[in-house]
Amino acid sequence: MKRVLAVTALFAMPFTSQVMGSTAMAADYTAAFDAKHKTCLEKISVDADIAYEEAMIWRSEGGGRRARHCEAMALFAVGQKEEAAYRLDKLAKSPDGGNNTMRLAYFAEAANFWLLSELPNRAYGSSTAGLELDETHVDLRIARARAYALLGRYADAEIDLSNALVFQVEHPEALRYRADARRKQGKYEEARSDIERALIADPTSVETALVRGEIIEAIRLKNIAEN
């Protein structure tokens, strides 16, 4: 019996060592790819054209989703916002797009690039696709609300922003965008309450200060009209 156990252990040892070695190699491989991805993204701020070329070469050599992501970000940096957004959407939906955290990040970046391209319908599509993976994702809620606002759907924007604030109660951007959406619906007092909270959350925000000024002016004009 002891001999059988000894033989079993003898044959098990090489297999265990092989599994442990494979795991270590996979971890090293992932770490190396992550480091190269970080370097690629940092290169964009130095020379986006070269970063794009290097990302393309890396992709052709098997760089996978990290290389494709760097390509998209470099394209955005050189002014090709729509192509960058398209590629990020495609990456988020691809079989090798990574885990849900990665896919959510790609959808959020795509949505924001579509917004910067003034294509709210496409931004709506990206943000909605992401929210189907995680309905609690605040950045995607905000992106979709901004798309709604650009489409003149301020009530829908307010709903998405209210939902975002359920998950992050004092999120300054969500408060600012909701204040603006409420202002455009004539909900001036609610808008003023939101914008004051936004200023407390982020006192240095120029955008928030501008929206506050617009709300104050809207209230002033309303009072004049009523008197």
C-alpha atoms as a PDB file:
ATOM      1  CA  MET A   1       0.000   0.000   0.000  1.00  0.00           C
ATOM      2  CA  LYS A   2       2.819   2.347   0.936  1.00  0.00           C
ATOM      3  CA  ARG A   3       4.487   1.548  -2.384  1.00  0.00           C
ATOM      4  CA  VAL A   4       1.322   2.455  -4.319  1.00  0.00           C
ATOM      5  CA  LEU A   5       1.003   5.771  -2.486  1.00  0.00           C
ATOM      6  CA  ALA A   6       4.645   6.552  -3.102  1.00  0.00           C
ATOM      7  CA  VAL A   7       4.319   5.857  -6.816  1.00  0.00           C
ATOM      8  CA  THR A   8       1.161   7.959  -7.014  1.00  0.00           C
ATOM      9  CA  ALA A   9       2.916  10.846  -5.298  1.00  0.00           C
ATOM     10  CA  LEU A  10       5.913  10.463  -7.585  1.00  0.00           C
ATOM     11  CA  PHE A  11       3.787  10.838 -10.702  1.00  0.00           C
ATOM     12  CA  ALA A  12       1.700  13.653  -9.191  1.00  0.00           C
ATOM     13  CA  MET A  13       4.668  15.870  -8.407  1.00  0.00           C
ATOM     14  CA  PRO A  14       5.708  16.708 -11.984  1.00  0.00           C
ATOM     15  CA  PHE A  15       2.086  17.546 -12.897  1.00  0.00           C
ATOM     16  CA  THR A  16       1.693  19.866  -9.896  1.00  0.00           C
ATOM     17  CA  SER A  17       4.963  21.580 -10.687  1.00  0.00           C
ATOM     18  CA  GLN A  18       3.905  21.977 -14.328  1.00  0.00           C
ATOM     19  CA  VAL A  19       0.596  23.614 -13.326  1.00  0.00           C
ATOM     20  CA  MET A  20       2.327  25.968 -10.917  1.00  0.00           C
ATOM     21  CA  GLY A  21       4.907  26.838 -13.554  1.00  0.00           C
ATOM     22  CA  SER A  22       2.223  27.510 -16.167  1.00  0.00           C
ATOM     23  CA  THR A  23       0.349  29.785 -13.766  1.00  0.00           C
ATOM     24  CA  ALA A  24       3.492  31.764 -13.016  1.00  0.00           C
ATOM     25  CA  MET A  25       4.285  32.081 -16.715  1.00  0.00           C
ATOM     26  CA  ALA A  26       0.733  33.297 -17.464  1.00  0.00           C
ATOM     27  CA  ALA A  27       1.012  35.898 -14.700  1.00  0.00           C
ATOM     28  CA  ASP A  28       4.347  37.120 -16.064  1.00  0.00           C
ATOM     29  CA  TYR A  29       2.915  37.236 -19.587  1.00  0.00           C
ATOM     30  CA  THR A  30      -0.081  39.296 -18.448  1.00  0.00           C
ATOM     31  CA  ALA A  31       2.114  41.663 -16.419  1.00  0.00           C
ATOM     32  CA  ALA A  32       4.378  42.218 -19.435  1.00  0.00           C
ATOM     33  CA  PHE A  33       1.395  42.989 -21.677  1.00  0.00           C
ATOM     34  CA  ASP A  34      -0.088  45.346 -19.084  1.00  0.00           C
ATOM     35  CA  ALA A  35       3.235  47.182 -18.824  1.00  0.00           C
ATOM     36  CA  LYS A  36       3.489  47.490 -22.607  1.00  0.00           C
ATOM     37  CA  HIS A  37      -0.097  48.772 -22.755  1.00  0.00           C
ATOM     38  CA  LYS A  38       0.718  51.427 -20.157  1.00  0.00           C
ATOM     39  CA  THR A  39       3.813  52.480 -22.096  1.00  0.00           C
ATOM     40  CA  CYS A  40       1.809  52.650 -25.316  1.00  0.00           C
ATOM     41  CA  LEU A  41      -0.825  54.912 -23.742  1.00  0.00           C
ATOM     42  CA  GLU A  42       1.835  57.166 -22.249  1.00  0.00           C
ATOM     43  CA  LYS A  43       3.476  57.478 -25.677  1.00  0.00           C
ATOM     44  CA  ILE A  44       0.266  59.026 -27.040  1.00  0.00           C
ATOM     45  CA  SER A  45       0.847  62.244 -25.096  1.00  0.00           C
ATOM     46  CA  VAL A  46       4.373  62.445 -26.548  1.00  0.00           C
ATOM     47  CA  ASP A  47       3.667  61.520 -30.181  1.00  0.00           C
ATOM     48  CA  ALA A  48       0.222  60.121 -31.008  1.00  0.00           C
ATOM     49  CA  ASP A  49       1.138  59.247 -34.607  1.00  0.00           C
ATOM     50  CA  ILE A  50       4.092  57.117 -33.573  1.00  0.00           C
ATOM     51  CA  ALA A  51       2.061  55.576 -30.752  1.00  0.00           C
ATOM     52  CA  TYR A  52      -0.578  54.569 -33.298  1.00  0.00           C
ATOM     53  CA  GLU A  53       1.989  53.024 -35.628  1.00  0.00           C
ATOM     54  CA  GLU A  54       3.612  51.102 -32.784  1.00  0.00           C
ATOM     55  CA  ALA A  55       0.201  49.897 -31.581  1.00  0.00           C
ATOM     56  CA  MET A  56      -0.592  48.605 -35.067  1.00  0.00           C
ATOM     57  CA  ILE A  57       2.693  46.705 -35.166  1.00  0.00           C
ATOM     58  CA  TRP A  58       2.028  45.320 -31.691  1.00  0.00           C
ATOM     59  CA  ARG A  59      -1.457  44.183 -32.753  1.00  0.00           C
ATOM     60  CA  SER A  60      -0.015  42.383 -35.793  1.00  0.00           C
ATOM     61  CA  GLU A  61       2.386  40.623 -33.458  1.00  0.00           C
ATOM     62  CA  GLY A  62      -0.411  39.393 -31.182  1.00  0.00           C
ATOM     63  CA  GLY A  63      -0.938  42.351 -28.863  1.00  0.00           C
ATOM     64  CA  GLY A  64      -4.649  41.586 -28.641  1.00  0.00           C
ATOM     65  CA  ARG A  65      -7.144  43.867 -26.928  1.00  0.00           C
ATOM     66  CA  ARG A  66      -4.464  46.014 -25.296  1.00  0.00           C
ATOM     67  CA  ALA A  67      -2.911  46.896 -28.650  1.00  0.00           C
ATOM     68  CA  ARG A  68      -6.341  47.571 -30.163  1.00  0.00           C
ATOM     69  CA  HIS A  69      -7.252  49.801 -27.237  1.00  0.00           C
ATOM     70  CA  CYS A  70      -4.055  51.805 -27.624  1.00  0.00           C
ATOM     71  CA  GLU A  71      -4.759  52.149 -31.351  1.00  0.00           C
ATOM     72  CA  ALA A  72      -8.207  53.590 -30.622  1.00  0.00           C
ATOM     73  CA  MET A  73      -6.897  56.038 -28.031  1.00  0.00           C
ATOM     74  CA  ALA A  74      -4.149  57.197 -30.390  1.00  0.00           C
ATOM     75  CA  LEU A  75      -6.724  57.755 -33.134  1.00  0.00           C
ATOM     76  CA  PHE A  76      -8.712  59.953 -30.771  1.00  0.00           C
ATOM     77  CA  ALA A  77      -5.580  61.939 -29.956  1.00  0.00           C
ATOM     78  CA  VAL A  78      -4.958  62.692 -33.643  1.00  0.00           C
ATOM     79  CA  GLY A  79      -8.513  63.925 -34.093  1.00  0.00           C
ATOM     80  CA  GLN A  80     -10.281  60.834 -35.426  1.00  0.00           C
ATOM     81  CA  LYS A  81     -12.908  60.785 -32.683  1.00  0.00           C
ATOM     82  CA  GLU A  82     -15.570  58.840 -34.562  1.00  0.00           C
ATOM     83  CA  GLU A  83     -13.199  56.098 -35.703  1.00  0.00           C
ATOM     84  CA  ALA A  84     -11.839  55.818 -32.169  1.00  0.00           C
ATOM     85  CA  ALA A  85     -15.358  55.487 -30.736  1.00  0.00           C
ATOM     86  CA  TYR A  86     -16.287  52.892 -33.359  1.00  0.00           C
ATOM     87  CA  ARG A  87     -13.228  50.793 -32.543  1.00  0.00           C
ATOM     88  CA  LEU A  88     -13.863  50.983 -28.798  1.00  0.00           C
ATOM     89  CA  ASP A  89     -17.450  49.815 -29.294  1.00  0.00           C
ATOM     90  CA  LYS A  90     -16.198  46.958 -31.441  1.00  0.00           C
ATOM     91  CA  LEU A  91     -13.559  46.051 -28.858  1.00  0.00           C
ATOM     92  CA  ALA A  92     -16.099  46.053 -26.019  1.00  0.00           C
ATOM     93  CA  LYS A  93     -18.290  43.606 -27.949  1.00  0.00           C
ATOM     94  CA  SER A  94     -15.509  41.356 -29.229  1.00  0.00           C
ATOM     95  CA  PRO A  95     -14.928  37.817 -27.876  1.00  0.00           C
ATOM     96  CA  ASP A  96     -11.493  38.842 -26.588  1.00  0.00           C
ATOM     97  CA  GLY A  97     -12.648  42.119 -25.066  1.00  0.00           C
ATOM     98  CA  GLY A  98     -11.705  40.989 -21.582  1.00  0.00           C
ATOM     99  CA  ASN A  99     -13.782  40.856 -18.422  1.00  0.00           C
ATOM    100  CA  ASN A 100     -16.804  43.038 -17.715  1.00  0.00           C
ATOM    101  CA  THR A 101     -14.716  45.726 -16.006  1.00  0.00           C
ATOM    102  CA  MET A 102     -12.664  46.158 -19.184  1.00  0.00           C
ATOM    103  CA  ARG A 103     -15.709  46.097 -21.448  1.00  0.00           C
ATOM    104  CA  LEU A 104     -17.458  48.712 -19.307  1.00  0.00           C
ATOM    105  CA  ALA A 105     -14.419  50.982 -19.578  1.00  0.00           C
ATOM    106  CA  TYR A 106     -14.376  50.616 -23.380  1.00  0.00           C
ATOM    107  CA  PHE A 107     -18.107  51.375 -23.633  1.00  0.00           C
ATOM    108  CA  ALA A 108     -17.689  54.456 -21.408  1.00  0.00           C
ATOM    109  CA  GLU A 109     -14.783  55.752 -23.503  1.00  0.00           C
ATOM    110  CA  ALA A 110     -16.741  55.109 -26.709  1.00  0.00           C
ATOM    111  CA  ALA A 111     -19.806  56.929 -25.363  1.00  0.00           C
ATOM    112  CA  ASN A 112     -17.753  59.965 -24.410  1.00  0.00           C
ATOM    113  CA  PHE A 113     -16.023  60.047 -27.796  1.00  0.00           C
ATOM    114  CA  TRP A 114     -19.414  59.880 -29.545  1.00  0.00           C
ATOM    115  CA  LEU A 115     -20.576  62.788 -27.382  1.00  0.00           C
ATOM    116  CA  LEU A 116     -17.500  64.795 -28.337  1.00  0.00           C
ATOM    117  CA  SER A 117     -18.332  63.980 -31.960  1.00  0.00           C
ATOM    118  CA  GLU A 118     -21.849  65.359 -31.359  1.00  0.00           C
ATOM    119  CA  LEU A 119     -23.448  62.029 -32.211  1.00  0.00           C
ATOM    120  CA  PRO A 120     -25.798  61.480 -29.266  1.00  0.00           C
ATOM    121  CA  ASN A 121     -27.612  58.502 -30.789  1.00  0.00           C
ATOM    122  CA  ARG A 122     -24.338  56.603 -31.019  1.00  0.00           C
ATOM    123  CA  ALA A 123     -23.436  57.680 -27.466  1.00  0.00           C
ATOM    124  CA  TYR A 124     -26.802  56.386 -26.322  1.00  0.00           C
ATOM    125  CA  GLY A 125     -26.073  53.032 -27.968  1.00  0.00           C
ATOM    126  CA  SER A 126     -22.653  52.655 -26.337  1.00  0.00           C
ATOM    127  CA  SER A 127     -23.832  53.657 -22.881  1.00  0.00           C
ATOM    128  CA  THR A 128     -26.926  51.456 -23.031  1.00  0.00           C
ATOM    129  CA  ALA A 129     -24.860  48.452 -24.128  1.00  0.00           C
ATOM    130  CA  GLY A 130     -22.581  49.023 -21.147  1.00  0.00           C
ATOM    131  CA  LEU A 131     -25.467  49.433 -18.719  1.00  0.00           C
ATOM    132  CA  GLU A 132     -26.798  46.062 -19.824  1.00  0.00           C
ATOM    133  CA  LEU A 133     -23.620  44.623 -18.302  1.00  0.00           C
ATOM    134  CA  ASP A 134     -23.799  46.742 -15.130  1.00  0.00           C
ATOM    135  CA  GLU A 135     -26.745  49.018 -14.426  1.00  0.00           C
ATOM    136  CA  THR A 136     -24.908  50.593 -11.470  1.00  0.00           C
ATOM    137  CA  HIS A 137     -22.085  52.038 -13.604  1.00  0.00           C
ATOM    138  CA  VAL A 138     -22.207  55.769 -12.825  1.00  0.00           C
ATOM    139  CA  ASP A 139     -20.058  57.014 -15.724  1.00  0.00           C
ATOM    140  CA  LEU A 140     -22.278  55.196 -18.219  1.00  0.00           C
ATOM    141  CA  ARG A 141     -25.413  56.624 -16.570  1.00  0.00           C
ATOM    142  CA  ILE A 142     -23.957  60.104 -16.918  1.00  0.00           C
ATOM    143  CA  ALA A 143     -22.918  59.500 -20.527  1.00  0.00           C
ATOM    144  CA  ARG A 144     -26.400  58.311 -21.466  1.00  0.00           C
ATOM    145  CA  ALA A 145     -27.966  61.263 -19.655  1.00  0.00           C
ATOM    146  CA  ARG A 146     -25.777  63.625 -21.663  1.00  0.00           C
ATOM    147  CA  ALA A 147     -26.898  61.870 -24.841  1.00  0.00           C
ATOM    148  CA  TYR A 148     -30.523  62.321 -23.796  1.00  0.00           C
ATOM    149  CA  ALA A 149     -29.889  66.016 -23.113  1.00  0.00           C
ATOM    150  CA  LEU A 150     -28.351  66.548 -26.545  1.00  0.00           C
ATOM    151  CA  LEU A 151     -31.474  64.946 -28.002  1.00  0.00           C
ATOM    152  CA  GLY A 152     -33.662  67.332 -25.997  1.00  0.00           C
ATOM    153  CA  ARG A 153     -34.942  64.525 -23.760  1.00  0.00           C
ATOM    154  CA  TYR A 154     -34.320  66.311 -20.474  1.00  0.00           C
ATOM    155  CA  ALA A 155     -36.768  64.263 -18.398  1.00  0.00           C
ATOM    156  CA  ASP A 156     -35.001  61.056 -19.439  1.00  0.00           C
ATOM    157  CA  ALA A 157     -31.654  62.663 -18.665  1.00  0.00           C
ATOM    158  CA  GLU A 158     -32.916  63.585 -15.196  1.00  0.00           C
ATOM    159  CA  ILE A 159     -34.012  59.983 -14.547  1.00  0.00           C
ATOM    160  CA  ASP A 160     -30.627  58.544 -15.496  1.00  0.00           C
ATOM    161  CA  LEU A 161     -28.815  61.112 -13.368  1.00  0.00           C
ATOM    162  CA  SER A 162     -31.086  60.456 -10.395  1.00  0.00           C
ATOM    163  CA  ASN A 163     -30.283  56.767 -10.738  1.00  0.00           C
ATOM    164  CA  ALA A 164     -26.561  57.567 -10.892  1.00  0.00           C
ATOM    165  CA  LEU A 165     -26.902  59.560  -7.662  1.00  0.00           C
ATOM    166  CA  VAL A 166     -28.439  56.545  -5.946  1.00  0.00           C
ATOM    167  CA  PHE A 167     -25.104  54.787  -6.383  1.00  0.00           C
ATOM    168  CA  GLN A 168     -22.888  57.839  -5.676  1.00  0.00           C
ATOM    169  CA  VAL A 169     -24.910  60.324  -3.678  1.00  0.00           C
ATOM    170  CA  GLU A 170     -22.692  63.398  -4.004  1.00  0.00           C
ATOM    171  CA  HIS A 171     -21.178  62.798  -7.443  1.00  0.00           C
ATOM    172  CA  PRO A 172     -20.388  66.372  -8.618  1.00  0.00           C
ATOM    173  CA  GLU A 173     -20.834  65.754 -12.361  1.00  0.00           C
ATOM    174  CA  ALA A 174     -24.109  63.892 -11.915  1.00  0.00           C
ATOM    175  CA  LEU A 175     -25.395  66.738  -9.742  1.00  0.00           C
ATOM    176  CA  ARG A 176     -24.267  69.363 -12.254  1.00  0.00           C
ATOM    177  CA  TYR A 177     -25.821  67.626 -15.241  1.00  0.00           C
ATOM    178  CA  ARG A 178     -29.042  66.997 -13.343  1.00  0.00           C
ATOM    179  CA  ALA A 179     -29.163  70.647 -12.302  1.00  0.00           C
ATOM    180  CA  ASP A 180     -28.863  71.651 -15.957  1.00  0.00           C
ATOM    181  CA  ALA A 181     -31.496  69.124 -17.057  1.00  0.00           C
ATOM    182  CA  ARG A 182     -33.862  70.437 -14.380  1.00  0.00           C
ATOM    183  CA  ARG A 183     -33.198  74.038 -15.378  1.00  0.00           C
ATOM    184  CA  LYS A 184     -34.149  73.230 -18.953  1.00  0.00           C
ATOM    185  CA  GLN A 185     -37.412  71.767 -17.684  1.00  0.00           C
ATOM    186  CA  GLY A 186     -38.152  74.883 -15.639  1.00  0.00           C
ATOM    187  CA  LYS A 187     -37.479  73.146 -12.318  1.00  0.00           C
ATOM    188  CA  TYR A 188     -35.434  76.058 -11.045  1.00  0.00           C
ATOM    189  CA  GLU A 189     -35.487  75.460  -7.300  1.00  0.00           C
ATOM    190  CA  GLU A 190     -34.561  71.791  -7.691  1.00  0.00           C
ATOM    191  CA  ALA A 191     -31.854  72.839 -10.120  1.00  0.00           C
ATOM    192  CA  ARG A 192     -30.469  75.358  -7.644  1.00  0.00           C
ATOM    193  CA  SER A 193     -30.415  72.734  -4.883  1.00  0.00           C
ATOM    194  CA  ASP A 194     -28.458  70.351  -7.138  1.00  0.00           C
ATOM    195  CA  ILE A 195     -25.939  72.934  -8.257  1.00  0.00           C
ATOM    196  CA  GLU A 196     -25.219  74.061  -4.686  1.00  0.00           C
ATOM    197  CA  ARG A 197     -24.552  70.439  -3.731  1.00  0.00           C
ATOM    198  CA  ALA A 198     -22.307  70.079  -6.786  1.00  0.00           C
ATOM    199  CA  LEU A 199     -20.280  73.122  -5.704  1.00  0.00           C
ATOM    200  CA  ILE A 200     -19.852  71.694  -2.220  1.00  0.00           C
ATOM    201  CA  ALA A 201     -18.670  68.402  -3.722  1.00  0.00           C
ATOM    202  CA  ASP A 202     -16.255  70.154  -6.104  1.00  0.00           C
ATOM    203  CA  PRO A 203     -15.718  73.858  -5.261  1.00  0.00           C
ATOM    204  CA  THR A 204     -13.067  74.309  -7.978  1.00  0.00           C
ATOM    205  CA  SER A 205     -15.226  73.282 -10.955  1.00  0.00           C
ATOM    206  CA  VAL A 206     -15.531  76.082 -13.518  1.00  0.00           C
ATOM    207  CA  GLU A 207     -18.295  74.197 -15.350  1.00  0.00           C
ATOM    208  CA  THR A 208     -20.371  73.988 -12.181  1.00  0.00           C
ATOM    209  CA  ALA A 209     -19.924  77.697 -11.522  1.00  0.00           C
ATOM    210  CA  LEU A 210     -21.118  78.477 -15.060  1.00  0.00           C
ATOM    211  CA  VAL A 211     -24.223  76.312 -14.701  1.00  0.00           C
ATOM    212  CA  ARG A 212     -24.927  77.962 -11.345  1.00  0.00           C
ATOM    213  CA  GLY A 213     -24.821  81.353 -13.047  1.00  0.00           C
ATOM    214  CA  GLU A 214     -27.274  80.163 -15.712  1.00  0.00           C
ATOM    215  CA  ILE A 215     -29.663  78.862 -13.062  1.00  0.00           C
ATOM    216  CA  ILE A 216     -29.514  82.108 -11.077  1.00  0.00           C
ATOM    217  CA  GLU A 217     -30.194  84.107 -14.243  1.00  0.00           C
ATOM    218  CA  ALA A 218     -33.123  81.850 -15.161  1.00  0.00           C
ATOM    219  CA  ILE A 219     -34.636  82.368 -11.702  1.00  0.00           C
ATOM    220  CA  ARG A 220     -34.130  86.136 -11.990  1.00  0.00           C
ATOM    221  CA  LEU A 221     -35.905  86.274 -15.341  1.00  0.00           C
ATOM    222  CA  LYS A 222     -38.726  84.103 -14.017  1.00  0.00           C
ATOM    223  CA  ASN A 223     -39.243  86.467 -11.073  1.00  0.00           C
ATOM    224  CA  ILE A 224     -39.293  89.476 -13.388  1.00  0.00           C
ATOM    225  CA  ALA A 225     -41.893  87.820 -15.609  1.00  0.00           C
ATOM    226  CA  GLU A 226     -44.102  86.991 -12.635  1.00  0.00           C
ATOM    227  CA  ASN A 227     -43.971  90.500 -11.112  1.00  0.00           C
END
